[in-house]
Amino acid sequence: MAALLLLLVPPVGLLAALAFLARPRGARVPLRGRHVLITGGSSGIGLAMATAAAREGARVSILARNARGLQEARDAIRAATGVDVGVLAADVRDEGAVARALQEAGPVDVLVCNQGVFVPQELEKQDMEEVKWMVDINLMGTFHLVKAALPAMKLRTRETGLPASIAIMSSQAGQVGVYGYTAYSASKFALRGMGEALQHEVIADNIRVSLIFPPDTETPGFEEEHKRRPELTNIIAGSSGGMKADDVAKKALAGIKSGRFIVPCNFEGAMLAVATAGLSPQSSPLMAFAEVIGAGIMRFAALCFQWNWFSTIENYYAKNKKTT
């Protein structure tokens, strides 16, 4: 029925309909002269985003656990941009510490929840303390940050009349589950549900939510994480292209500034965004058009990928049974 309707509606008419339906309405979120707070800001993607935001004239604060790492990051940003940034030492797992850090930082216009940890392992073999550690940092840490930032952020949007942003760093493993990523994917998939519901709750306060989905990224922890991957995970996911932290930062900031809800970071991510669009908010009529037209094609492609992955798993275990 849906395919028949698409045939009956000319593309121009469909675009007009999507322009009417697309919600929330598009908005530009400026950075210059505004307070941007980035967690996990002492290294990797967070440091790259902080440096780029400082170059654009934002007042930047970075938050992380390690005070020494924060100071080194502050020095690196100053050397690259000539700008001093604020530093906040806190563990995002500690709700009270996060609330105190946000109070010290002052009202935030753009909150980037970039903290994240990843330990790949089959669930049966993984220690539950590792599972809890990932959920506490990746998911609960984000709750603590948003909860602490929201009251002052809402007041700030009313005072300035400018849109604010809450950006949440997920992962492509938060769009599709992969062997060996059971706990990590759970912590990242949950962020999407949080983001979708949160956007409903804060849109009346002129706050945009952005979910960022980077692929494997060359960060200080990536090499160690890669070593921990199960062999089968490397076979399935090893072909995925990695990105430089600076490139992810550029894509992320562009998505935040355009008020986009889903922010992919490469071509593969853009295809995943179409394939997993579901009931997610969409402010761009053109992207909505791509999602509507591409849904069937991407579902077929997804089935092909799943066939390949399950075949790989079956072959791997069949081969190992023969050699044991």
C-alpha atoms as a PDB file:
ATOM      1  CA  MET A   1       0.000   0.000   0.000  1.00  0.00           C
ATOM      2  CA  ALA A   2       2.794   2.445   0.906  1.00  0.00           C
ATOM      3  CA  ALA A   3       4.622   1.679  -2.353  1.00  0.00           C
ATOM      4  CA  LEU A   4       1.395   2.276  -4.315  1.00  0.00           C
ATOM      5  CA  LEU A   5       0.877   5.631  -2.618  1.00  0.00           C
ATOM      6  CA  LEU A   6       4.442   6.673  -3.507  1.00  0.00           C
ATOM      7  CA  LEU A   7       3.748   5.874  -7.168  1.00  0.00           C
ATOM      8  CA  LEU A   8       0.596   7.984  -7.094  1.00  0.00           C
ATOM      9  CA  VAL A   9       2.246  11.020  -5.464  1.00  0.00           C
ATOM     10  CA  PRO A  10       4.667  13.006  -7.681  1.00  0.00           C
ATOM     11  CA  PRO A  11       8.053  13.751  -6.058  1.00  0.00           C
ATOM     12  CA  VAL A  12       7.282  17.486  -5.802  1.00  0.00           C
ATOM     13  CA  GLY A  13       4.005  16.741  -4.069  1.00  0.00           C
ATOM     14  CA  LEU A  14       5.702  14.283  -1.723  1.00  0.00           C
ATOM     15  CA  LEU A  15       8.360  16.863  -0.841  1.00  0.00           C
ATOM     16  CA  ALA A  16       5.658  19.425  -0.124  1.00  0.00           C
ATOM     17  CA  ALA A  17       3.874  16.960   2.128  1.00  0.00           C
ATOM     18  CA  LEU A  18       7.105  16.133   3.945  1.00  0.00           C
ATOM     19  CA  ALA A  19       7.929  19.828   4.384  1.00  0.00           C
ATOM     20  CA  PHE A  20       4.579  20.148   6.176  1.00  0.00           C
ATOM     21  CA  LEU A  21       5.051  16.991   8.259  1.00  0.00           C
ATOM     22  CA  ALA A  22       8.730  17.277   9.233  1.00  0.00           C
ATOM     23  CA  ARG A  23       9.120  17.940  12.952  1.00  0.00           C
ATOM     24  CA  PRO A  24      10.618  19.549  14.890  1.00  0.00           C
ATOM     25  CA  ARG A  25      11.068  22.563  12.630  1.00  0.00           C
ATOM     26  CA  GLY A  26      14.636  23.188  11.521  1.00  0.00           C
ATOM     27  CA  ALA A  27      16.729  25.595  13.597  1.00  0.00           C
ATOM     28  CA  ARG A  28      20.284  26.882  13.547  1.00  0.00           C
ATOM     29  CA  VAL A  29      22.168  26.553  16.833  1.00  0.00           C
ATOM     30  CA  PRO A  30      24.963  29.161  16.908  1.00  0.00           C
ATOM     31  CA  LEU A  31      28.208  28.484  18.786  1.00  0.00           C
ATOM     32  CA  ARG A  32      29.990  31.847  18.732  1.00  0.00           C
ATOM     33  CA  GLY A  33      29.872  33.558  22.099  1.00  0.00           C
ATOM     34  CA  ARG A  34      27.921  30.706  23.688  1.00  0.00           C
ATOM     35  CA  HIS A  35      28.834  28.231  26.417  1.00  0.00           C
ATOM     36  CA  VAL A  36      29.654  24.769  25.052  1.00  0.00           C
ATOM     37  CA  LEU A  37      30.342  22.050  27.636  1.00  0.00           C
ATOM     38  CA  ILE A  38      31.873  18.809  26.389  1.00  0.00           C
ATOM     39  CA  THR A  39      32.327  15.703  28.512  1.00  0.00           C
ATOM     40  CA  GLY A  40      35.122  13.275  27.737  1.00  0.00           C
ATOM     41  CA  GLY A  41      36.812  16.457  26.594  1.00  0.00           C
ATOM     42  CA  SER A  42      40.385  15.614  27.549  1.00  0.00           C
ATOM     43  CA  SER A  43      41.085  13.308  24.587  1.00  0.00           C
ATOM     44  CA  GLY A  44      39.810  11.834  21.344  1.00  0.00           C
ATOM     45  CA  ILE A  45      36.565  13.127  19.840  1.00  0.00           C
ATOM     46  CA  GLY A  46      35.831  15.337  22.846  1.00  0.00           C
ATOM     47  CA  LEU A  47      39.166  17.140  22.623  1.00  0.00           C
ATOM     48  CA  ALA A  48      38.751  17.564  18.864  1.00  0.00           C
ATOM     49  CA  MET A  49      35.241  19.014  19.342  1.00  0.00           C
ATOM     50  CA  ALA A  50      36.438  21.357  22.090  1.00  0.00           C
ATOM     51  CA  THR A  51      39.267  22.633  19.885  1.00  0.00           C
ATOM     52  CA  ALA A  52      36.944  23.179  16.918  1.00  0.00           C
ATOM     53  CA  ALA A  53      34.310  24.933  19.070  1.00  0.00           C
ATOM     54  CA  ALA A  54      36.965  27.225  20.571  1.00  0.00           C
ATOM     55  CA  ARG A  55      38.093  28.140  17.036  1.00  0.00           C
ATOM     56  CA  GLU A  56      34.501  29.117  16.248  1.00  0.00           C
ATOM     57  CA  GLY A  57      34.424  31.559  19.146  1.00  0.00           C
ATOM     58  CA  ALA A  58      32.529  29.479  21.705  1.00  0.00           C
ATOM     59  CA  ARG A  59      33.213  29.654  25.412  1.00  0.00           C
ATOM     60  CA  VAL A  60      34.243  26.062  26.012  1.00  0.00           C
ATOM     61  CA  SER A  61      34.311  23.954  29.164  1.00  0.00           C
ATOM     62  CA  ILE A  62      35.608  20.377  29.177  1.00  0.00           C
ATOM     63  CA  LEU A  63      34.750  17.760  31.786  1.00  0.00           C
ATOM     64  CA  ALA A  64      36.563  14.501  32.501  1.00  0.00           C
ATOM     65  CA  ARG A  65      37.710  12.406  35.461  1.00  0.00           C
ATOM     66  CA  ASN A  66      41.457  12.947  35.251  1.00  0.00           C
ATOM     67  CA  ALA A  67      42.652  16.396  36.385  1.00  0.00           C
ATOM     68  CA  ARG A  68      46.069  15.957  34.775  1.00  0.00           C
ATOM     69  CA  GLY A  69      44.538  14.946  31.456  1.00  0.00           C
ATOM     70  CA  LEU A  70      42.245  17.968  31.608  1.00  0.00           C
ATOM     71  CA  GLN A  71      45.185  20.318  32.125  1.00  0.00           C
ATOM     72  CA  GLU A  72      47.071  18.748  29.209  1.00  0.00           C
ATOM     73  CA  ALA A  73      43.981  19.140  27.035  1.00  0.00           C
ATOM     74  CA  ARG A  74      43.598  22.760  28.126  1.00  0.00           C
ATOM     75  CA  ASP A  75      47.216  23.444  27.153  1.00  0.00           C
ATOM     76  CA  ALA A  76      46.739  21.703  23.786  1.00  0.00           C
ATOM     77  CA  ILE A  77      43.620  23.766  22.999  1.00  0.00           C
ATOM     78  CA  ARG A  78      45.370  26.984  23.993  1.00  0.00           C
ATOM     79  CA  ALA A  79      48.331  26.099  21.761  1.00  0.00           C
ATOM     80  CA  ALA A  80      46.038  25.317  18.816  1.00  0.00           C
ATOM     81  CA  THR A  81      43.599  28.216  19.157  1.00  0.00           C
ATOM     82  CA  GLY A  82      44.998  30.786  21.590  1.00  0.00           C
ATOM     83  CA  VAL A  83      41.830  30.322  23.651  1.00  0.00           C
ATOM     84  CA  ASP A  84      41.597  29.276  27.304  1.00  0.00           C
ATOM     85  CA  VAL A  85      38.892  26.754  28.149  1.00  0.00           C
ATOM     86  CA  GLY A  86      37.339  25.893  31.488  1.00  0.00           C
ATOM     87  CA  VAL A  87      38.148  22.505  33.027  1.00  0.00           C
ATOM     88  CA  LEU A  88      35.924  20.466  35.339  1.00  0.00           C
ATOM     89  CA  ALA A  89      37.062  17.255  37.039  1.00  0.00           C
ATOM     90  CA  ALA A  90      34.155  14.914  37.803  1.00  0.00           C
ATOM     91  CA  ASP A  91      33.105  11.291  37.349  1.00  0.00           C
ATOM     92  CA  VAL A  92      29.849  11.202  35.380  1.00  0.00           C
ATOM     93  CA  ARG A  93      28.761   8.148  37.406  1.00  0.00           C
ATOM     94  CA  ASP A  94      28.516  10.393  40.477  1.00  0.00           C
ATOM     95  CA  GLU A  95      25.276  12.379  40.247  1.00  0.00           C
ATOM     96  CA  GLY A  96      26.301  14.780  43.011  1.00  0.00           C
ATOM     97  CA  ALA A  97      29.727  15.464  41.493  1.00  0.00           C
ATOM     98  CA  VAL A  98      28.121  16.159  38.113  1.00  0.00           C
ATOM     99  CA  ALA A  99      25.587  18.563  39.657  1.00  0.00           C
ATOM    100  CA  ARG A 100      28.374  20.448  41.449  1.00  0.00           C
ATOM    101  CA  ALA A 101      30.489  20.648  38.283  1.00  0.00           C
ATOM    102  CA  LEU A 102      27.571  22.005  36.236  1.00  0.00           C
ATOM    103  CA  GLN A 103      26.801  24.569  38.915  1.00  0.00           C
ATOM    104  CA  GLU A 104      30.431  25.677  38.857  1.00  0.00           C
ATOM    105  CA  ALA A 105      30.422  25.874  35.059  1.00  0.00           C
ATOM    106  CA  GLY A 106      27.325  28.073  34.901  1.00  0.00           C
ATOM    107  CA  PRO A 107      24.463  27.925  32.358  1.00  0.00           C
ATOM    108  CA  VAL A 108      25.220  25.801  29.305  1.00  0.00           C
ATOM    109  CA  ASP A 109      23.955  26.564  25.786  1.00  0.00           C
ATOM    110  CA  VAL A 110      25.299  23.420  24.107  1.00  0.00           C
ATOM    111  CA  LEU A 111      25.817  20.264  26.168  1.00  0.00           C
ATOM    112  CA  VAL A 112      27.809  17.494  24.461  1.00  0.00           C
ATOM    113  CA  CYS A 113      27.566  14.188  26.353  1.00  0.00           C
ATOM    114  CA  ASN A 114      30.604  12.580  24.785  1.00  0.00           C
ATOM    115  CA  GLN A 115      31.871  10.354  27.608  1.00  0.00           C
ATOM    116  CA  GLY A 116      32.031   6.690  26.736  1.00  0.00           C
ATOM    117  CA  VAL A 117      33.774   3.390  27.452  1.00  0.00           C
ATOM    118  CA  PHE A 118      33.838   0.164  25.477  1.00  0.00           C
ATOM    119  CA  VAL A 119      34.953  -3.366  26.339  1.00  0.00           C
ATOM    120  CA  PRO A 120      34.055  -5.892  23.597  1.00  0.00           C
ATOM    121  CA  GLN A 121      33.273  -9.408  24.793  1.00  0.00           C
ATOM    122  CA  GLU A 122      30.642 -12.096  24.424  1.00  0.00           C
ATOM    123  CA  LEU A 123      28.085 -11.589  27.215  1.00  0.00           C
ATOM    124  CA  GLU A 124      28.519 -15.113  28.583  1.00  0.00           C
ATOM    125  CA  LYS A 125      32.237 -14.453  29.134  1.00  0.00           C
ATOM    126  CA  GLN A 126      31.990 -10.840  30.284  1.00  0.00           C
ATOM    127  CA  ASP A 127      32.142  -9.903  33.942  1.00  0.00           C
ATOM    128  CA  MET A 128      28.977  -8.162  35.092  1.00  0.00           C
ATOM    129  CA  GLU A 129      31.049  -5.431  36.703  1.00  0.00           C
ATOM    130  CA  GLU A 130      32.305  -4.517  33.211  1.00  0.00           C
ATOM    131  CA  VAL A 131      28.722  -4.475  31.924  1.00  0.00           C
ATOM    132  CA  LYS A 132      27.619  -2.219  34.777  1.00  0.00           C
ATOM    133  CA  TRP A 133      30.657   0.034  34.245  1.00  0.00           C
ATOM    134  CA  MET A 134      29.697   0.620  30.597  1.00  0.00           C
ATOM    135  CA  VAL A 135      26.018   1.227  31.400  1.00  0.00           C
ATOM    136  CA  ASP A 136      26.869   3.570  34.287  1.00  0.00           C
ATOM    137  CA  ILE A 137      29.201   5.747  32.192  1.00  0.00           C
ATOM    138  CA  ASN A 138      27.586   5.590  28.753  1.00  0.00           C
ATOM    139  CA  LEU A 139      23.929   5.755  29.818  1.00  0.00           C
ATOM    140  CA  MET A 140      23.536   6.818  33.448  1.00  0.00           C
ATOM    141  CA  GLY A 141      26.282   9.417  33.083  1.00  0.00           C
ATOM    142  CA  THR A 142      24.245  11.007  30.300  1.00  0.00           C
ATOM    143  CA  PHE A 143      21.153  11.090  32.514  1.00  0.00           C
ATOM    144  CA  HIS A 144      23.160  12.793  35.265  1.00  0.00           C
ATOM    145  CA  LEU A 145      24.516  15.421  32.878  1.00  0.00           C
ATOM    146  CA  VAL A 146      21.214  16.265  31.209  1.00  0.00           C
ATOM    147  CA  LYS A 147      19.335  16.362  34.510  1.00  0.00           C
ATOM    148  CA  ALA A 148      21.912  18.750  35.995  1.00  0.00           C
ATOM    149  CA  ALA A 149      22.097  21.037  32.931  1.00  0.00           C
ATOM    150  CA  LEU A 150      18.414  21.367  32.006  1.00  0.00           C
ATOM    151  CA  PRO A 151      17.041  23.932  34.506  1.00  0.00           C
ATOM    152  CA  ALA A 152      19.659  26.597  33.718  1.00  0.00           C
ATOM    153  CA  MET A 153      19.583  25.732  29.999  1.00  0.00           C
ATOM    154  CA  LYS A 154      15.835  26.360  29.871  1.00  0.00           C
ATOM    155  CA  LEU A 155      16.222  29.728  31.601  1.00  0.00           C
ATOM    156  CA  ARG A 156      19.033  30.595  29.199  1.00  0.00           C
ATOM    157  CA  THR A 157      16.942  29.960  26.069  1.00  0.00           C
ATOM    158  CA  ARG A 158      14.175  32.182  27.440  1.00  0.00           C
ATOM    159  CA  GLU A 159      16.668  34.967  28.187  1.00  0.00           C
ATOM    160  CA  THR A 160      18.508  34.841  24.845  1.00  0.00           C
ATOM    161  CA  GLY A 161      15.754  33.684  22.499  1.00  0.00           C
ATOM    162  CA  LEU A 162      18.329  31.392  20.884  1.00  0.00           C
ATOM    163  CA  PRO A 163      17.979  27.604  20.548  1.00  0.00           C
ATOM    164  CA  ALA A 164      20.108  25.410  22.795  1.00  0.00           C
ATOM    165  CA  SER A 165      21.334  21.891  22.117  1.00  0.00           C
ATOM    166  CA  ILE A 166      21.818  18.618  23.949  1.00  0.00           C
ATOM    167  CA  ALA A 167      24.106  16.380  21.879  1.00  0.00           C
ATOM    168  CA  ILE A 168      24.501  12.731  22.833  1.00  0.00           C
ATOM    169  CA  MET A 169      27.394  10.655  21.489  1.00  0.00           C
ATOM    170  CA  SER A 170      26.111   7.218  20.578  1.00  0.00           C
ATOM    171  CA  SER A 171      27.826   4.892  18.092  1.00  0.00           C
ATOM    172  CA  GLN A 172      27.040   2.898  14.978  1.00  0.00           C
ATOM    173  CA  ALA A 173      26.876   0.036  17.496  1.00  0.00           C
ATOM    174  CA  GLY A 174      23.868   1.957  18.840  1.00  0.00           C
ATOM    175  CA  GLN A 175      22.140   1.482  15.482  1.00  0.00           C
ATOM    176  CA  VAL A 176      22.917  -2.173  14.795  1.00  0.00           C
ATOM    177  CA  GLY A 177      23.977  -4.977  17.129  1.00  0.00           C
ATOM    178  CA  VAL A 178      27.176  -6.879  16.315  1.00  0.00           C
ATOM    179  CA  TYR A 179      28.688 -10.050  17.780  1.00  0.00           C
ATOM    180  CA  GLY A 180      30.726  -9.251  20.887  1.00  0.00           C
ATOM    181  CA  TYR A 181      29.048  -5.872  21.475  1.00  0.00           C
ATOM    182  CA  THR A 182      26.073  -7.043  23.559  1.00  0.00           C
ATOM    183  CA  ALA A 183      26.679  -4.855  26.623  1.00  0.00           C
ATOM    184  CA  TYR A 184      28.116  -1.908  24.700  1.00  0.00           C
ATOM    185  CA  SER A 185      25.305  -1.892  22.144  1.00  0.00           C
ATOM    186  CA  ALA A 186      22.723  -2.028  24.946  1.00  0.00           C
ATOM    187  CA  SER A 187      24.260   1.067  26.557  1.00  0.00           C
ATOM    188  CA  LYS A 188      24.289   2.916  23.228  1.00  0.00           C
ATOM    189  CA  PHE A 189      20.889   1.795  21.873  1.00  0.00           C
ATOM    190  CA  ALA A 190      19.344   3.093  25.104  1.00  0.00           C
ATOM    191  CA  LEU A 191      20.607   6.583  24.318  1.00  0.00           C
ATOM    192  CA  ARG A 192      18.379   6.701  21.257  1.00  0.00           C
ATOM    193  CA  GLY A 193      15.233   6.013  23.260  1.00  0.00           C
ATOM    194  CA  MET A 194      16.351   8.619  25.758  1.00  0.00           C
ATOM    195  CA  GLY A 195      17.002  11.151  23.002  1.00  0.00           C
ATOM    196  CA  GLU A 196      13.686  10.605  21.207  1.00  0.00           C
ATOM    197  CA  ALA A 197      11.623  11.030  24.378  1.00  0.00           C
ATOM    198  CA  LEU A 198      13.783  13.913  25.613  1.00  0.00           C
ATOM    199  CA  GLN A 199      13.277  15.844  22.371  1.00  0.00           C
ATOM    200  CA  HIS A 200       9.517  15.760  22.994  1.00  0.00           C
ATOM    201  CA  GLU A 201      10.053  17.058  26.525  1.00  0.00           C
ATOM    202  CA  VAL A 202      12.355  19.985  25.687  1.00  0.00           C
ATOM    203  CA  ILE A 203      11.188  21.222  22.272  1.00  0.00           C
ATOM    204  CA  ALA A 204       8.799  23.717  23.910  1.00  0.00           C
ATOM    205  CA  ASP A 205      11.873  25.254  25.577  1.00  0.00           C
ATOM    206  CA  ASN A 206      13.613  25.704  22.198  1.00  0.00           C
ATOM    207  CA  ILE A 207      16.166  22.948  22.903  1.00  0.00           C
ATOM    208  CA  ARG A 208      17.269  20.606  20.132  1.00  0.00           C
ATOM    209  CA  VAL A 209      18.524  17.078  20.780  1.00  0.00           C
ATOM    210  CA  SER A 210      21.150  15.566  18.495  1.00  0.00           C
ATOM    211  CA  LEU A 211      22.243  11.927  18.490  1.00  0.00           C
ATOM    212  CA  ILE A 212      25.689  11.411  16.953  1.00  0.00           C
ATOM    213  CA  PHE A 213      26.617   8.001  15.522  1.00  0.00           C
ATOM    214  CA  PRO A 214      30.364   7.741  14.820  1.00  0.00           C
ATOM    215  CA  PRO A 215      31.994   4.580  13.452  1.00  0.00           C
ATOM    216  CA  ASP A 216      35.236   3.171  14.862  1.00  0.00           C
ATOM    217  CA  THR A 217      37.359   6.240  15.565  1.00  0.00           C
ATOM    218  CA  GLU A 218      41.082   6.572  16.111  1.00  0.00           C
ATOM    219  CA  THR A 219      41.137   7.590  19.777  1.00  0.00           C
ATOM    220  CA  PRO A 220      43.635   6.780  22.562  1.00  0.00           C
ATOM    221  CA  GLY A 221      41.534   3.826  23.759  1.00  0.00           C
ATOM    222  CA  PHE A 222      40.682   2.392  20.359  1.00  0.00           C
ATOM    223  CA  GLU A 223      43.841   0.348  19.854  1.00  0.00           C
ATOM    224  CA  GLU A 224      43.451  -1.345  23.238  1.00  0.00           C
ATOM    225  CA  GLU A 225      39.749  -1.963  22.635  1.00  0.00           C
ATOM    226  CA  HIS A 226      40.580  -3.512  19.269  1.00  0.00           C
ATOM    227  CA  LYS A 227      42.939  -5.975  20.957  1.00  0.00           C
ATOM    228  CA  ARG A 228      40.143  -7.116  23.277  1.00  0.00           C
ATOM    229  CA  ARG A 229      37.722  -7.868  20.481  1.00  0.00           C
ATOM    230  CA  PRO A 230      36.738 -11.516  20.033  1.00  0.00           C
ATOM    231  CA  GLU A 231      38.153 -13.001  16.826  1.00  0.00           C
ATOM    232  CA  LEU A 232      34.686 -13.312  15.302  1.00  0.00           C
ATOM    233  CA  THR A 233      33.976  -9.649  16.030  1.00  0.00           C
ATOM    234  CA  ASN A 234      37.100  -8.686  14.084  1.00  0.00           C
ATOM    235  CA  ILE A 235      35.974 -10.855  11.165  1.00  0.00           C
ATOM    236  CA  ILE A 236      32.496  -9.247  11.081  1.00  0.00           C
ATOM    237  CA  ALA A 237      33.329  -5.651  12.010  1.00  0.00           C
ATOM    238  CA  GLY A 238      36.956  -5.421  10.964  1.00  0.00           C
ATOM    239  CA  SER A 239      36.065  -4.210   7.476  1.00  0.00           C
ATOM    240  CA  SER A 240      34.217  -1.141   8.806  1.00  0.00           C
ATOM    241  CA  GLY A 241      36.112   2.044   7.986  1.00  0.00           C
ATOM    242  CA  GLY A 242      37.542   4.028  10.908  1.00  0.00           C
ATOM    243  CA  MET A 243      37.666   7.803  11.106  1.00  0.00           C
ATOM    244  CA  LYS A 244      39.990  10.428  12.526  1.00  0.00           C
ATOM    245  CA  ALA A 245      38.717  12.148  15.671  1.00  0.00           C
ATOM    246  CA  ASP A 246      38.991  15.552  13.943  1.00  0.00           C
ATOM    247  CA  ASP A 247      36.740  14.375  11.110  1.00  0.00           C
ATOM    248  CA  VAL A 248      34.124  13.028  13.521  1.00  0.00           C
ATOM    249  CA  ALA A 249      34.273  16.327  15.437  1.00  0.00           C
ATOM    250  CA  LYS A 250      33.561  18.320  12.262  1.00  0.00           C
ATOM    251  CA  LYS A 251      30.559  16.153  11.372  1.00  0.00           C
ATOM    252  CA  ALA A 252      29.268  16.263  14.935  1.00  0.00           C
ATOM    253  CA  LEU A 253      29.482  20.043  15.254  1.00  0.00           C
ATOM    254  CA  ALA A 254      27.892  20.545  11.830  1.00  0.00           C
ATOM    255  CA  GLY A 255      24.980  18.342  12.900  1.00  0.00           C
ATOM    256  CA  ILE A 256      24.600  20.157  16.223  1.00  0.00           C
ATOM    257  CA  LYS A 257      24.621  23.587  14.555  1.00  0.00           C
ATOM    258  CA  SER A 258      21.965  22.499  12.049  1.00  0.00           C
ATOM    259  CA  GLY A 259      19.749  21.120  14.828  1.00  0.00           C
ATOM    260  CA  ARG A 260      19.628  17.650  13.288  1.00  0.00           C
ATOM    261  CA  PHE A 261      18.362  14.809  15.448  1.00  0.00           C
ATOM    262  CA  ILE A 262      20.300  11.999  13.745  1.00  0.00           C
ATOM    263  CA  VAL A 263      23.916  12.904  12.923  1.00  0.00           C
ATOM    264  CA  PRO A 264      25.802  10.288  10.881  1.00  0.00           C
ATOM    265  CA  CYS A 265      29.541  10.722  10.409  1.00  0.00           C
ATOM    266  CA  ASN A 266      30.289   8.895   7.137  1.00  0.00           C
ATOM    267  CA  PHE A 267      28.554   7.329   4.127  1.00  0.00           C
ATOM    268  CA  GLU A 268      27.980   4.049   5.934  1.00  0.00           C
ATOM    269  CA  GLY A 269      26.440   6.008   8.804  1.00  0.00           C
ATOM    270  CA  ALA A 270      24.140   7.898   6.438  1.00  0.00           C
ATOM    271  CA  MET A 271      22.876   4.582   5.041  1.00  0.00           C
ATOM    272  CA  LEU A 272      22.351   3.276   8.584  1.00  0.00           C
ATOM    273  CA  ALA A 273      20.433   6.455   9.430  1.00  0.00           C
ATOM    274  CA  VAL A 274      18.000   5.777   6.576  1.00  0.00           C
ATOM    275  CA  ALA A 275      17.733   2.081   7.420  1.00  0.00           C
ATOM    276  CA  THR A 276      16.987   2.749  11.102  1.00  0.00           C
ATOM    277  CA  ALA A 277      14.944   5.968  10.792  1.00  0.00           C
ATOM    278  CA  GLY A 278      11.806   4.396  12.255  1.00  0.00           C
ATOM    279  CA  LEU A 279       9.773   6.929  14.242  1.00  0.00           C
ATOM    280  CA  SER A 280      12.682   9.277  14.947  1.00  0.00           C
ATOM    281  CA  PRO A 281      12.215  13.059  14.626  1.00  0.00           C
ATOM    282  CA  GLN A 282      13.225  14.562  11.291  1.00  0.00           C
ATOM    283  CA  SER A 283      13.437  18.313  10.642  1.00  0.00           C
ATOM    284  CA  SER A 284      14.786  18.131   7.078  1.00  0.00           C
ATOM    285  CA  PRO A 285      12.234  17.490   4.297  1.00  0.00           C
ATOM    286  CA  LEU A 286      15.055  16.324   2.003  1.00  0.00           C
ATOM    287  CA  MET A 287      16.283  13.767   4.526  1.00  0.00           C
ATOM    288  CA  ALA A 288      12.691  12.688   5.148  1.00  0.00           C
ATOM    289  CA  PHE A 289      12.345  12.189   1.374  1.00  0.00           C
ATOM    290  CA  ALA A 290      15.485  10.016   1.343  1.00  0.00           C
ATOM    291  CA  GLU A 291      14.129   7.976   4.260  1.00  0.00           C
ATOM    292  CA  VAL A 292      10.737   7.425   2.623  1.00  0.00           C
ATOM    293  CA  ILE A 293      12.160   6.530  -0.792  1.00  0.00           C
ATOM    294  CA  GLY A 294      15.102   4.544   0.552  1.00  0.00           C
ATOM    295  CA  ALA A 295      13.304   2.548   3.249  1.00  0.00           C
ATOM    296  CA  GLY A 296      12.549  -0.514   1.109  1.00  0.00           C
ATOM    297  CA  ILE A 297      15.959  -0.547  -0.575  1.00  0.00           C
ATOM    298  CA  MET A 298      17.787  -0.201   2.731  1.00  0.00           C
ATOM    299  CA  ARG A 299      15.709  -2.970   4.299  1.00  0.00           C
ATOM    300  CA  PHE A 300      16.784  -5.267   1.475  1.00  0.00           C
ATOM    301  CA  ALA A 301      20.413  -4.212   1.973  1.00  0.00           C
ATOM    302  CA  ALA A 302      20.080  -4.832   5.718  1.00  0.00           C
ATOM    303  CA  LEU A 303      18.817  -8.356   5.073  1.00  0.00           C
ATOM    304  CA  CYS A 304      21.846  -8.951   2.851  1.00  0.00           C
ATOM    305  CA  PHE A 305      24.176  -7.792   5.631  1.00  0.00           C
ATOM    306  CA  GLN A 306      22.428  -9.987   8.174  1.00  0.00           C
ATOM    307  CA  TRP A 307      22.683 -12.976   5.828  1.00  0.00           C
ATOM    308  CA  ASN A 308      26.412 -12.341   5.503  1.00  0.00           C
ATOM    309  CA  TRP A 309      26.923 -11.963   9.270  1.00  0.00           C
ATOM    310  CA  PHE A 310      24.952 -15.096  10.184  1.00  0.00           C
ATOM    311  CA  SER A 311      26.723 -17.056   7.465  1.00  0.00           C
ATOM    312  CA  THR A 312      30.068 -15.861   8.843  1.00  0.00           C
ATOM    313  CA  ILE A 313      29.097 -16.966  12.359  1.00  0.00           C
ATOM    314  CA  GLU A 314      27.886 -20.381  11.159  1.00  0.00           C
ATOM    315  CA  ASN A 315      31.058 -20.956   9.131  1.00  0.00           C
ATOM    316  CA  TYR A 316      33.278 -19.824  11.999  1.00  0.00           C
ATOM    317  CA  TYR A 317      31.739 -22.227  14.498  1.00  0.00           C
ATOM    318  CA  ALA A 318      31.626 -25.067  11.978  1.00  0.00           C
ATOM    319  CA  LYS A 319      35.338 -24.577  11.264  1.00  0.00           C
ATOM    320  CA  ASN A 320      36.253 -24.406  14.960  1.00  0.00           C
ATOM    321  CA  LYS A 321      34.306 -27.573  15.749  1.00  0.00           C
ATOM    322  CA  LYS A 322      36.334 -29.426  13.136  1.00  0.00           C
ATOM    323  CA  THR A 323      39.641 -28.249  14.602  1.00  0.00           C
ATOM    324  CA  THR A 324      38.764 -29.035  18.247  1.00  0.00           C
END
